Structure formats: C-alpha cells, structure tokens
N, C-alpha and C. Protein backbone atom coordinates (compact mmCIF):
# COMPACT_ATOMS: atom_id res chain seq x y z
N MET A 1 153.23 18.12 -125.47
CA MET A 1 154.48 18.79 -125.20
C MET A 1 155.49 17.82 -124.59
N LYS A 2 155.02 16.97 -123.66
CA LYS A 2 155.92 16.01 -123.03
C LYS A 2 156.46 15.03 -124.06
N LYS A 3 155.61 14.62 -125.01
CA LYS A 3 156.05 13.69 -126.04
C LYS A 3 157.11 14.33 -126.94
N THR A 4 156.98 15.62 -127.21
CA THR A 4 157.95 16.31 -128.05
C THR A 4 159.30 16.41 -127.34
N ILE A 5 159.27 16.77 -126.08
CA ILE A 5 160.51 16.85 -125.30
C ILE A 5 161.16 15.48 -125.20
N LEU A 6 160.37 14.45 -124.95
CA LEU A 6 160.90 13.09 -124.87
C LEU A 6 161.50 12.65 -126.20
N ALA A 7 160.85 13.02 -127.30
CA ALA A 7 161.36 12.67 -128.64
C ALA A 7 162.68 13.40 -128.92
N VAL A 8 162.79 14.67 -128.52
CA VAL A 8 164.03 15.44 -128.73
C VAL A 8 165.15 14.84 -127.89
N VAL A 9 164.88 14.50 -126.64
CA VAL A 9 165.90 13.89 -125.77
C VAL A 9 166.34 12.55 -126.34
N ALA A 10 165.41 11.74 -126.82
CA ALA A 10 165.75 10.45 -127.41
C ALA A 10 166.60 10.63 -128.66
N LEU A 11 166.26 11.63 -129.49
CA LEU A 11 167.03 11.91 -130.70
C LEU A 11 168.44 12.36 -130.35
N LEU A 12 168.57 13.22 -129.34
CA LEU A 12 169.91 13.65 -128.90
C LEU A 12 170.72 12.48 -128.36
N CYS A 13 170.09 11.59 -127.63
CA CYS A 13 170.79 10.41 -127.12
C CYS A 13 171.26 9.52 -128.25
N LEU A 14 170.42 9.32 -129.26
CA LEU A 14 170.81 8.50 -130.42
C LEU A 14 171.95 9.14 -131.19
N CYS A 15 171.89 10.47 -131.38
CA CYS A 15 172.98 11.16 -132.09
C CYS A 15 174.27 11.08 -131.30
N GLY A 16 174.18 11.23 -129.99
CA GLY A 16 175.37 11.13 -129.15
C GLY A 16 175.97 9.75 -129.18
N THR A 17 175.13 8.72 -129.19
CA THR A 17 175.62 7.34 -129.26
C THR A 17 176.27 7.07 -130.61
N ALA A 18 175.69 7.58 -131.68
CA ALA A 18 176.27 7.39 -133.02
C ALA A 18 177.61 8.10 -133.12
N ALA A 19 177.72 9.30 -132.55
CA ALA A 19 179.00 10.02 -132.58
C ALA A 19 180.05 9.30 -131.75
N ALA A 20 179.66 8.74 -130.62
CA ALA A 20 180.61 8.03 -129.77
C ALA A 20 181.09 6.75 -130.43
N GLN A 21 180.27 6.14 -131.29
CA GLN A 21 180.65 4.91 -131.94
C GLN A 21 181.45 5.14 -133.22
N ARG A 22 181.64 6.41 -133.61
CA ARG A 22 182.41 6.72 -134.81
C ARG A 22 183.81 6.14 -134.63
N HIS A 23 184.26 5.40 -135.59
CA HIS A 23 185.54 4.69 -135.49
C HIS A 23 186.68 5.61 -135.88
N ILE A 24 187.60 5.87 -134.94
CA ILE A 24 188.81 6.61 -135.23
C ILE A 24 189.96 5.64 -135.05
N GLU A 25 190.64 5.37 -136.14
CA GLU A 25 191.77 4.44 -136.09
C GLU A 25 193.06 5.23 -136.18
N TYR A 26 193.92 5.08 -135.20
CA TYR A 26 195.22 5.74 -135.23
C TYR A 26 196.05 5.13 -136.35
N LYS A 27 196.89 5.94 -136.97
CA LYS A 27 197.71 5.42 -138.08
C LYS A 27 198.48 4.19 -137.63
N TRP A 28 198.50 3.18 -138.44
CA TRP A 28 199.15 1.93 -138.06
C TRP A 28 200.32 1.58 -138.97
N ARG A 29 200.65 2.48 -139.88
CA ARG A 29 201.80 2.25 -140.76
C ARG A 29 202.47 3.60 -141.02
N GLY A 30 203.80 3.60 -141.01
CA GLY A 30 204.54 4.82 -141.29
C GLY A 30 205.41 5.25 -140.12
N PHE A 31 205.94 6.45 -140.23
CA PHE A 31 206.83 6.97 -139.20
C PHE A 31 206.02 7.40 -137.98
N TYR A 32 206.60 7.22 -136.82
CA TYR A 32 205.94 7.60 -135.58
C TYR A 32 206.96 8.27 -134.66
N SER A 33 206.46 9.01 -133.70
CA SER A 33 207.29 9.55 -132.62
C SER A 33 206.48 9.51 -131.33
N VAL A 34 207.19 9.32 -130.24
CA VAL A 34 206.56 9.23 -128.92
C VAL A 34 207.33 10.12 -127.95
N VAL A 35 206.61 10.96 -127.23
CA VAL A 35 207.19 11.77 -126.17
C VAL A 35 206.69 11.18 -124.85
N ASP A 36 207.62 10.94 -123.93
CA ASP A 36 207.30 10.22 -122.69
C ASP A 36 207.71 11.04 -121.48
N LEU A 37 206.84 11.12 -120.50
CA LEU A 37 207.15 11.75 -119.21
C LEU A 37 206.75 10.75 -118.13
N SER A 38 207.73 10.33 -117.33
CA SER A 38 207.48 9.27 -116.34
C SER A 38 208.06 9.65 -114.99
N TYR A 39 207.49 9.05 -113.96
CA TYR A 39 208.08 9.09 -112.63
C TYR A 39 208.73 7.73 -112.40
N VAL A 40 209.99 7.73 -111.98
CA VAL A 40 210.70 6.48 -111.73
C VAL A 40 211.02 6.37 -110.24
N MET A 41 210.95 5.13 -109.74
CA MET A 41 211.24 4.88 -108.33
C MET A 41 212.15 3.66 -108.23
N ASN A 42 213.20 3.80 -107.46
CA ASN A 42 214.19 2.74 -107.29
C ASN A 42 213.63 1.64 -106.39
N LEU A 43 213.78 0.39 -106.82
CA LEU A 43 213.34 -0.75 -106.02
C LEU A 43 214.41 -1.22 -105.04
N ASN A 44 215.67 -1.03 -105.41
CA ASN A 44 216.76 -1.42 -104.51
C ASN A 44 217.51 -0.17 -104.08
N ARG A 45 218.29 -0.32 -103.07
CA ARG A 45 219.08 0.81 -102.59
C ARG A 45 220.55 0.42 -102.64
N ALA A 46 221.34 1.29 -103.23
CA ALA A 46 222.78 1.05 -103.28
C ALA A 46 223.40 1.55 -101.98
N PRO A 47 224.30 0.79 -101.35
CA PRO A 47 224.91 1.28 -100.12
C PRO A 47 225.70 2.54 -100.42
N GLY A 48 225.44 3.58 -99.67
CA GLY A 48 226.03 4.87 -99.98
C GLY A 48 227.09 5.30 -98.99
N PHE A 49 227.44 6.53 -99.10
CA PHE A 49 228.46 7.13 -98.25
C PHE A 49 227.97 7.18 -96.81
N ASN A 50 228.80 6.78 -95.88
CA ASN A 50 228.47 6.77 -94.45
C ASN A 50 227.21 5.95 -94.17
N ASN A 51 227.06 4.83 -94.88
CA ASN A 51 225.94 3.91 -94.70
C ASN A 51 224.58 4.53 -95.00
N GLN A 52 224.56 5.62 -95.74
CA GLN A 52 223.28 6.17 -96.20
C GLN A 52 222.91 5.49 -97.50
N ALA A 53 221.67 5.51 -97.85
CA ALA A 53 221.22 4.86 -99.09
C ALA A 53 221.00 5.90 -100.17
N ASP A 54 221.57 5.65 -101.33
CA ASP A 54 221.36 6.52 -102.49
C ASP A 54 220.22 5.93 -103.29
N THR A 55 219.30 6.76 -103.70
CA THR A 55 218.20 6.26 -104.51
C THR A 55 218.11 7.05 -105.79
N LEU A 56 217.52 6.48 -106.77
CA LEU A 56 217.18 7.18 -108.00
C LEU A 56 215.66 7.16 -108.09
N SER A 57 215.05 8.17 -107.55
CA SER A 57 213.61 8.33 -107.65
C SER A 57 213.39 9.73 -108.16
N GLY A 58 212.97 9.83 -109.39
CA GLY A 58 212.84 11.13 -110.00
C GLY A 58 212.01 11.10 -111.26
N ILE A 59 212.39 11.93 -112.21
CA ILE A 59 211.63 12.11 -113.45
C ILE A 59 212.44 11.57 -114.62
N ALA A 60 211.77 10.92 -115.56
CA ALA A 60 212.40 10.48 -116.80
C ALA A 60 211.63 11.11 -117.95
N MET A 61 212.34 11.82 -118.83
CA MET A 61 211.74 12.45 -120.00
C MET A 61 212.42 11.88 -121.23
N GLY A 62 211.65 11.38 -122.18
CA GLY A 62 212.25 10.77 -123.34
C GLY A 62 211.51 11.05 -124.62
N ILE A 63 212.21 10.83 -125.73
CA ILE A 63 211.61 10.94 -127.04
C ILE A 63 212.15 9.79 -127.89
N SER A 64 211.27 9.17 -128.63
CA SER A 64 211.68 8.08 -129.52
C SER A 64 210.93 8.23 -130.83
N GLY A 65 211.50 7.65 -131.86
CA GLY A 65 210.87 7.68 -133.16
C GLY A 65 211.30 6.48 -133.96
N GLY A 66 210.52 6.16 -134.96
CA GLY A 66 210.85 5.01 -135.79
C GLY A 66 209.82 4.80 -136.87
N PHE A 67 209.77 3.57 -137.35
CA PHE A 67 208.84 3.22 -138.42
C PHE A 67 207.98 2.06 -137.96
N GLN A 68 206.68 2.22 -138.13
CA GLN A 68 205.73 1.17 -137.79
C GLN A 68 205.36 0.42 -139.06
N PHE A 69 205.72 -0.87 -139.10
CA PHE A 69 205.49 -1.68 -140.29
C PHE A 69 204.03 -2.12 -140.37
N ARG A 70 203.46 -2.45 -139.25
CA ARG A 70 202.06 -2.83 -139.11
C ARG A 70 201.70 -2.61 -137.66
N LYS A 71 200.46 -2.84 -137.29
CA LYS A 71 200.07 -2.53 -135.91
C LYS A 71 200.82 -3.33 -134.88
N GLU A 72 201.27 -4.51 -135.25
CA GLU A 72 201.94 -5.38 -134.29
C GLU A 72 203.44 -5.15 -134.21
N ALA A 73 204.03 -4.39 -135.12
CA ALA A 73 205.49 -4.32 -135.14
C ALA A 73 205.98 -2.94 -135.55
N SER A 74 206.85 -2.38 -134.73
CA SER A 74 207.53 -1.14 -135.09
C SER A 74 208.92 -1.17 -134.49
N LEU A 75 209.83 -0.49 -135.14
CA LEU A 75 211.22 -0.45 -134.73
C LEU A 75 211.67 1.00 -134.73
N GLY A 76 212.33 1.42 -133.66
CA GLY A 76 212.76 2.81 -133.57
C GLY A 76 213.96 2.97 -132.67
N ALA A 77 214.32 4.21 -132.41
CA ALA A 77 215.44 4.55 -131.54
C ALA A 77 215.02 5.74 -130.70
N GLY A 78 215.67 5.92 -129.57
CA GLY A 78 215.30 7.02 -128.71
C GLY A 78 216.37 7.39 -127.72
N ILE A 79 216.07 8.44 -126.98
CA ILE A 79 216.96 8.93 -125.93
C ILE A 79 216.09 9.39 -124.77
N THR A 80 216.55 9.15 -123.56
CA THR A 80 215.80 9.52 -122.36
C THR A 80 216.74 10.23 -121.39
N TYR A 81 216.22 11.24 -120.72
CA TYR A 81 216.96 11.93 -119.67
C TYR A 81 216.36 11.49 -118.34
N VAL A 82 217.14 10.77 -117.53
CA VAL A 82 216.67 10.28 -116.23
C VAL A 82 217.27 11.20 -115.17
N TYR A 83 216.42 12.00 -114.54
CA TYR A 83 216.87 13.02 -113.58
C TYR A 83 216.67 12.53 -112.16
N ASP A 84 217.73 12.60 -111.39
CA ASP A 84 217.69 12.25 -109.97
C ASP A 84 217.77 13.53 -109.16
N PRO A 85 216.74 13.89 -108.40
CA PRO A 85 216.77 15.14 -107.64
C PRO A 85 217.92 15.21 -106.65
N ALA A 86 218.37 14.06 -106.15
CA ALA A 86 219.50 14.07 -105.22
C ALA A 86 220.82 14.32 -105.95
N GLY A 87 220.82 14.20 -107.27
CA GLY A 87 222.00 14.47 -108.05
C GLY A 87 222.99 13.33 -108.13
N ALA A 88 222.64 12.17 -107.62
CA ALA A 88 223.60 11.09 -107.55
C ALA A 88 223.67 10.28 -108.84
N PHE A 89 222.54 9.99 -109.47
CA PHE A 89 222.53 9.02 -110.57
C PHE A 89 221.89 9.55 -111.85
N THR A 90 221.99 10.83 -112.14
CA THR A 90 221.41 11.37 -113.36
C THR A 90 222.11 10.77 -114.58
N GLN A 91 221.32 10.24 -115.54
CA GLN A 91 221.88 9.56 -116.69
C GLN A 91 221.07 9.85 -117.95
N MET A 92 221.65 9.50 -119.11
CA MET A 92 220.97 9.66 -120.38
C MET A 92 221.11 8.38 -121.20
N PRO A 93 220.11 7.48 -121.12
CA PRO A 93 220.15 6.27 -121.93
C PRO A 93 219.85 6.54 -123.41
N VAL A 94 220.59 5.88 -124.28
CA VAL A 94 220.36 5.88 -125.73
C VAL A 94 220.01 4.44 -126.10
N TYR A 95 218.93 4.23 -126.86
CA TYR A 95 218.43 2.86 -127.01
C TYR A 95 217.76 2.61 -128.35
N VAL A 96 217.58 1.33 -128.64
CA VAL A 96 216.76 0.84 -129.75
C VAL A 96 215.45 0.37 -129.13
N GLU A 97 214.33 0.62 -129.82
CA GLU A 97 213.02 0.32 -129.24
C GLU A 97 212.20 -0.57 -130.17
N LEU A 98 211.57 -1.57 -129.59
CA LEU A 98 210.56 -2.38 -130.27
C LEU A 98 209.23 -2.06 -129.62
N ARG A 99 208.22 -1.80 -130.44
CA ARG A 99 206.91 -1.39 -129.91
C ARG A 99 205.83 -2.16 -130.64
N SER A 100 204.78 -2.57 -129.91
CA SER A 100 203.68 -3.31 -130.52
C SER A 100 202.36 -2.83 -129.95
N HIS A 101 201.43 -2.53 -130.84
CA HIS A 101 200.05 -2.21 -130.46
C HIS A 101 199.20 -3.40 -130.85
N PHE A 102 198.33 -3.83 -129.96
CA PHE A 102 197.66 -5.11 -130.14
C PHE A 102 196.36 -5.06 -130.94
N MET A 103 195.75 -3.88 -131.06
CA MET A 103 194.49 -3.78 -131.79
C MET A 103 194.49 -2.52 -132.64
N ARG A 104 193.59 -2.48 -133.61
CA ARG A 104 193.45 -1.29 -134.44
C ARG A 104 192.29 -0.42 -133.98
N SER A 105 191.91 -0.51 -132.77
CA SER A 105 190.78 0.27 -132.27
C SER A 105 191.28 1.61 -131.72
N ARG A 106 190.34 2.45 -131.35
CA ARG A 106 190.67 3.77 -130.81
C ARG A 106 191.44 3.64 -129.50
N LEU A 107 191.06 2.70 -128.67
CA LEU A 107 191.75 2.42 -127.42
C LEU A 107 192.42 1.06 -127.55
N THR A 108 193.73 1.02 -127.43
CA THR A 108 194.45 -0.23 -127.62
C THR A 108 195.56 -0.39 -126.58
N PRO A 109 195.75 -1.61 -126.09
CA PRO A 109 196.91 -1.86 -125.24
C PRO A 109 198.18 -1.95 -126.09
N TYR A 110 199.31 -1.65 -125.47
CA TYR A 110 200.57 -1.76 -126.19
C TYR A 110 201.68 -2.22 -125.25
N ALA A 111 202.75 -2.69 -125.86
CA ALA A 111 203.95 -3.09 -125.12
C ALA A 111 205.15 -2.52 -125.85
N ALA A 112 206.17 -2.17 -125.08
CA ALA A 112 207.40 -1.65 -125.68
C ALA A 112 208.59 -2.20 -124.91
N ALA A 113 209.68 -2.43 -125.63
CA ALA A 113 210.95 -2.86 -125.01
C ALA A 113 212.06 -2.01 -125.57
N GLN A 114 212.98 -1.61 -124.70
CA GLN A 114 214.10 -0.77 -125.09
C GLN A 114 215.39 -1.40 -124.57
N ALA A 115 216.45 -1.33 -125.37
CA ALA A 115 217.76 -1.82 -124.95
C ALA A 115 218.82 -0.89 -125.52
N GLY A 116 219.81 -0.57 -124.69
CA GLY A 116 220.86 0.33 -125.16
C GLY A 116 221.92 0.55 -124.11
N TYR A 117 222.52 1.73 -124.14
CA TYR A 117 223.62 2.09 -123.25
C TYR A 117 223.25 3.37 -122.53
N SER A 118 223.52 3.43 -121.24
CA SER A 118 223.21 4.59 -120.43
C SER A 118 224.47 5.41 -120.18
N LEU A 119 224.44 6.66 -120.59
CA LEU A 119 225.58 7.56 -120.43
C LEU A 119 225.45 8.32 -119.12
N PRO A 120 226.46 8.28 -118.24
CA PRO A 120 226.37 9.05 -117.01
C PRO A 120 226.57 10.53 -117.27
N LEU A 121 225.81 11.35 -116.59
CA LEU A 121 225.93 12.80 -116.76
C LEU A 121 226.63 13.44 -115.58
N GLY A 122 227.27 12.62 -114.75
CA GLY A 122 227.94 13.16 -113.58
C GLY A 122 226.98 13.26 -112.42
N ALA A 123 227.51 13.70 -111.31
CA ALA A 123 226.72 13.79 -110.10
C ALA A 123 226.99 15.10 -109.41
N SER A 124 225.96 15.71 -108.89
CA SER A 124 226.15 16.93 -108.13
C SER A 124 226.47 16.62 -106.68
N SER A 125 226.35 15.36 -106.31
CA SER A 125 226.68 14.94 -104.95
C SER A 125 228.20 14.90 -104.82
N PRO A 126 228.79 15.53 -103.80
CA PRO A 126 230.25 15.58 -103.70
C PRO A 126 230.90 14.23 -103.41
N GLU A 127 230.16 13.30 -102.84
CA GLU A 127 230.79 12.03 -102.47
C GLU A 127 230.54 10.91 -103.47
N ILE A 128 229.78 11.17 -104.56
CA ILE A 128 229.49 10.12 -105.55
C ILE A 128 229.83 10.64 -106.94
N LYS A 129 230.51 9.82 -107.73
CA LYS A 129 230.78 10.16 -109.12
C LYS A 129 230.68 8.89 -109.96
N ILE A 130 229.86 8.93 -111.02
CA ILE A 130 229.74 7.80 -111.92
C ILE A 130 230.75 8.03 -113.04
N THR A 131 231.73 7.14 -113.17
CA THR A 131 232.78 7.34 -114.16
C THR A 131 232.54 6.58 -115.44
N LYS A 132 231.73 5.54 -115.43
CA LYS A 132 231.39 4.79 -116.64
C LYS A 132 229.93 4.41 -116.60
N GLY A 133 229.29 4.44 -117.76
CA GLY A 133 227.90 4.04 -117.84
C GLY A 133 227.78 2.54 -117.99
N GLY A 134 226.65 2.11 -118.50
CA GLY A 134 226.46 0.68 -118.66
C GLY A 134 225.17 0.34 -119.38
N LEU A 135 224.80 -0.92 -119.32
CA LEU A 135 223.64 -1.46 -119.99
C LEU A 135 222.36 -0.77 -119.52
N TYR A 136 221.46 -0.54 -120.47
CA TYR A 136 220.14 0.00 -120.16
C TYR A 136 219.10 -0.92 -120.79
N PHE A 137 218.09 -1.27 -120.01
CA PHE A 137 216.98 -2.08 -120.51
C PHE A 137 215.70 -1.55 -119.90
N ALA A 138 214.64 -1.51 -120.69
CA ALA A 138 213.34 -1.07 -120.18
C ALA A 138 212.24 -1.84 -120.88
N ALA A 139 211.17 -2.09 -120.16
CA ALA A 139 209.97 -2.74 -120.71
C ALA A 139 208.76 -2.03 -120.12
N GLU A 140 207.74 -1.83 -120.94
CA GLU A 140 206.54 -1.16 -120.44
C GLU A 140 205.29 -1.72 -121.08
N LEU A 141 204.21 -1.65 -120.33
CA LEU A 141 202.87 -2.01 -120.79
C LEU A 141 201.98 -0.80 -120.59
N GLY A 142 201.13 -0.55 -121.57
CA GLY A 142 200.28 0.62 -121.44
C GLY A 142 199.07 0.55 -122.34
N ALA A 143 198.36 1.67 -122.39
CA ALA A 143 197.19 1.81 -123.24
C ALA A 143 197.28 3.14 -123.97
N ARG A 144 196.86 3.13 -125.23
CA ARG A 144 196.91 4.33 -126.06
C ARG A 144 195.49 4.67 -126.52
N PHE A 145 195.11 5.94 -126.39
CA PHE A 145 193.80 6.41 -126.83
C PHE A 145 194.00 7.39 -127.99
N ALA A 146 193.44 7.06 -129.17
CA ALA A 146 193.60 7.90 -130.36
C ALA A 146 192.62 9.07 -130.32
N VAL A 147 193.16 10.28 -130.30
CA VAL A 147 192.33 11.47 -130.40
C VAL A 147 191.90 11.66 -131.86
N ASP A 148 192.85 11.49 -132.78
CA ASP A 148 192.56 11.43 -134.21
C ASP A 148 193.60 10.53 -134.87
N ARG A 149 193.67 10.52 -136.21
CA ARG A 149 194.58 9.59 -136.89
C ARG A 149 196.05 9.89 -136.63
N GLY A 150 196.39 11.11 -136.29
CA GLY A 150 197.79 11.46 -136.13
C GLY A 150 198.21 11.83 -134.73
N PHE A 151 197.32 11.71 -133.75
CA PHE A 151 197.67 12.10 -132.38
C PHE A 151 196.97 11.18 -131.39
N ALA A 152 197.72 10.69 -130.41
CA ALA A 152 197.14 9.82 -129.38
C ALA A 152 197.80 10.11 -128.04
N ILE A 153 197.11 9.76 -126.98
CA ILE A 153 197.59 9.93 -125.61
C ILE A 153 197.65 8.54 -124.98
N GLY A 154 198.68 8.28 -124.20
CA GLY A 154 198.81 6.98 -123.57
C GLY A 154 199.25 7.07 -122.12
N VAL A 155 199.03 6.00 -121.40
CA VAL A 155 199.54 5.83 -120.04
C VAL A 155 200.24 4.49 -119.97
N HIS A 156 201.22 4.37 -119.09
CA HIS A 156 201.97 3.12 -119.02
C HIS A 156 202.59 2.92 -117.65
N VAL A 157 202.93 1.67 -117.37
CA VAL A 157 203.75 1.29 -116.23
C VAL A 157 204.89 0.44 -116.78
N GLY A 158 206.02 0.43 -116.09
CA GLY A 158 207.13 -0.31 -116.64
C GLY A 158 208.25 -0.57 -115.66
N TYR A 159 209.31 -1.16 -116.20
CA TYR A 159 210.51 -1.54 -115.45
C TYR A 159 211.71 -1.01 -116.22
N LYS A 160 212.70 -0.48 -115.50
CA LYS A 160 213.94 -0.02 -116.12
C LYS A 160 215.12 -0.59 -115.33
N LEU A 161 216.16 -0.98 -116.05
CA LEU A 161 217.41 -1.42 -115.45
C LEU A 161 218.51 -0.48 -115.91
N LEU A 162 219.16 0.18 -114.96
CA LEU A 162 220.30 1.04 -115.25
C LEU A 162 221.52 0.41 -114.59
N ASN A 163 222.54 0.12 -115.39
CA ASN A 163 223.74 -0.50 -114.86
C ASN A 163 224.89 0.51 -114.96
N MET A 164 225.55 0.76 -113.84
CA MET A 164 226.71 1.64 -113.83
C MET A 164 227.95 0.79 -113.63
N ASN A 165 228.85 0.81 -114.61
CA ASN A 165 230.01 -0.07 -114.56
C ASN A 165 231.06 0.37 -113.55
N GLN A 166 231.14 1.66 -113.29
CA GLN A 166 232.13 2.11 -112.33
C GLN A 166 231.57 3.29 -111.55
N LEU A 167 231.48 3.13 -110.27
CA LEU A 167 230.94 4.14 -109.39
C LEU A 167 232.04 4.53 -108.43
N GLU A 168 232.37 5.81 -108.40
CA GLU A 168 233.46 6.28 -107.54
C GLU A 168 232.86 7.04 -106.36
N ARG A 169 233.28 6.68 -105.18
CA ARG A 169 232.81 7.36 -103.97
C ARG A 169 234.02 7.87 -103.19
N THR A 170 233.79 8.83 -102.37
CA THR A 170 234.87 9.31 -101.51
C THR A 170 234.69 8.74 -100.12
N ASP A 171 235.79 8.54 -99.42
CA ASP A 171 235.70 8.04 -98.05
C ASP A 171 235.52 9.21 -97.09
N GLU A 172 235.59 8.93 -95.79
CA GLU A 172 235.35 9.97 -94.79
C GLU A 172 236.40 11.06 -94.79
N TYR A 173 237.56 10.81 -95.45
CA TYR A 173 238.62 11.82 -95.54
C TYR A 173 238.61 12.56 -96.87
N GLY A 174 237.68 12.23 -97.75
CA GLY A 174 237.58 12.91 -99.04
C GLY A 174 238.39 12.27 -100.15
N PHE A 175 239.04 11.12 -99.88
CA PHE A 175 239.81 10.43 -100.91
C PHE A 175 238.89 9.54 -101.74
N PRO A 176 239.11 9.49 -103.06
CA PRO A 176 238.23 8.64 -103.89
C PRO A 176 238.52 7.17 -103.68
N ARG A 177 237.47 6.38 -103.72
CA ARG A 177 237.60 4.93 -103.71
C ARG A 177 236.61 4.38 -104.72
N LEU A 178 236.99 3.32 -105.40
CA LEU A 178 236.13 2.73 -106.42
C LEU A 178 235.30 1.63 -105.80
N SER A 179 234.08 1.52 -106.23
CA SER A 179 233.23 0.45 -105.74
C SER A 179 232.82 -0.42 -106.92
N ASP A 180 232.17 -1.51 -106.62
CA ASP A 180 231.74 -2.45 -107.64
C ASP A 180 230.64 -1.85 -108.51
N PRO A 181 230.37 -2.48 -109.65
CA PRO A 181 229.26 -2.01 -110.49
C PRO A 181 227.94 -2.05 -109.71
N VAL A 182 227.08 -1.11 -110.03
CA VAL A 182 225.79 -1.00 -109.36
C VAL A 182 224.69 -1.13 -110.41
N ALA A 183 223.73 -1.98 -110.17
CA ALA A 183 222.56 -2.12 -111.04
C ALA A 183 221.35 -1.56 -110.31
N LEU A 184 220.71 -0.59 -110.92
CA LEU A 184 219.51 0.01 -110.33
C LEU A 184 218.28 -0.56 -111.01
N HIS A 185 217.37 -1.10 -110.22
CA HIS A 185 216.11 -1.66 -110.71
C HIS A 185 215.03 -0.64 -110.39
N LEU A 186 214.36 -0.15 -111.43
CA LEU A 186 213.39 0.93 -111.27
C LEU A 186 212.03 0.51 -111.79
N ILE A 187 210.99 1.02 -111.16
CA ILE A 187 209.64 0.92 -111.73
C ILE A 187 209.25 2.32 -112.17
N SER A 188 208.41 2.38 -113.18
CA SER A 188 208.01 3.69 -113.70
C SER A 188 206.53 3.69 -114.02
N ALA A 189 205.97 4.89 -113.98
CA ALA A 189 204.59 5.12 -114.39
C ALA A 189 204.55 6.49 -115.05
N GLY A 190 203.85 6.57 -116.16
CA GLY A 190 203.86 7.86 -116.83
C GLY A 190 202.82 8.00 -117.92
N MET A 191 203.02 9.07 -118.69
CA MET A 191 202.10 9.45 -119.75
C MET A 191 202.90 9.61 -121.04
N THR A 192 202.30 9.26 -122.17
CA THR A 192 202.96 9.41 -123.46
C THR A 192 202.08 10.17 -124.43
N LEU A 193 202.71 10.88 -125.34
CA LEU A 193 202.04 11.52 -126.46
C LEU A 193 202.57 10.88 -127.72
N HIS A 194 201.69 10.40 -128.58
CA HIS A 194 202.07 9.70 -129.81
C HIS A 194 201.74 10.59 -131.00
N PHE A 195 202.73 10.77 -131.89
CA PHE A 195 202.54 11.57 -133.10
C PHE A 195 202.81 10.74 -134.33
C-alpha cells in the first residue's frame, strides 16, 4: 500500500513538473496594447506658495498601443493621465513609445521609452495654475509574465520627466505672478496588462 501511494505521489509530481515546463510564448509579432497603472513620486520639490512645497505624488493611468515587429522592437503611441491628489500638477502626456522584450520565454524582462508633450489639465489649487505644458519623457524597466499567447501581466519601475513651460502662481494678495519653467523628476512603480 505504501508503495502504491508513493508511486501515485511521484506520478503526480512528474505530471505537475511537465505541466509547469509547458512553454507558453507570448505573441512577439503584431499589434499590441498595454494598460498601465502606476504610483508616481516626485524626487524634487518646486518652491510653492508661501514657501510651501508642491509635489506631484499620485497615480498615473495610461494606455498605449502599437505594432511589434519582433521581440526586440516595437513602436507605438499612447496617452497617460497623471493625477495629483493635491490638484496642483495634474497633466495628460501624449507620447510615442519604443518597447523591447529581451527574450521569448514566458517570463521576460523588458524596457520601454516614451517621449512626447504633456498637456496641463489645470489645477484645483487656487494659488497655482499651469498655463502651458511641456516636454514629457519616461523610461521604465520591468518584467512581463505571459498567462497565454494573448494576455500577460507585468510589473515595472521607471523615471518620468514632466516639464511645465509656464507656471502661474498668485502672491499673498491674490494677484497672479509668473514663475520660471518647472521640471518635475518622478519615479514610478506599477503594474501593466499586455494584450
């Protein structure tokens, strides 16, 4: 009886190992789309109203799509909504994206770079108003796990640069004053869904 139970357990272990080794390769050619949800945190602080510091630490939600020529090269475009809970620096970058996956395995590292223009969406803060947007750049490194050929889940860390060409603030009397351009350096960490 013990030998039979041991044989059944060994057979189940072998079947489980064979199933785990089944090769699932995510599609490496054709159209793709990526949905991204990230937390962003500002590395620098812009001098704010009454010597307070304004930060952009919030949520970034984006979608991008394009065509993957091979596993190492894809080109696409996307849009991201960067939400600032304080209401000071909410923006919507529009960008071109280069993406590269390094292996054709089920679990693969990847890199992505984005460049474009960030559109200001205004500010709910009464003393800050972004009147012109500016350059947007982002780079990320991550890993993608293929659930099947058409769906994968990923995690990533990255860097984002948001440049605001004209930032309008009010003084202590409520009169507007213009300040110099502000560049926000952000780090991000998040999750992606690949279709």
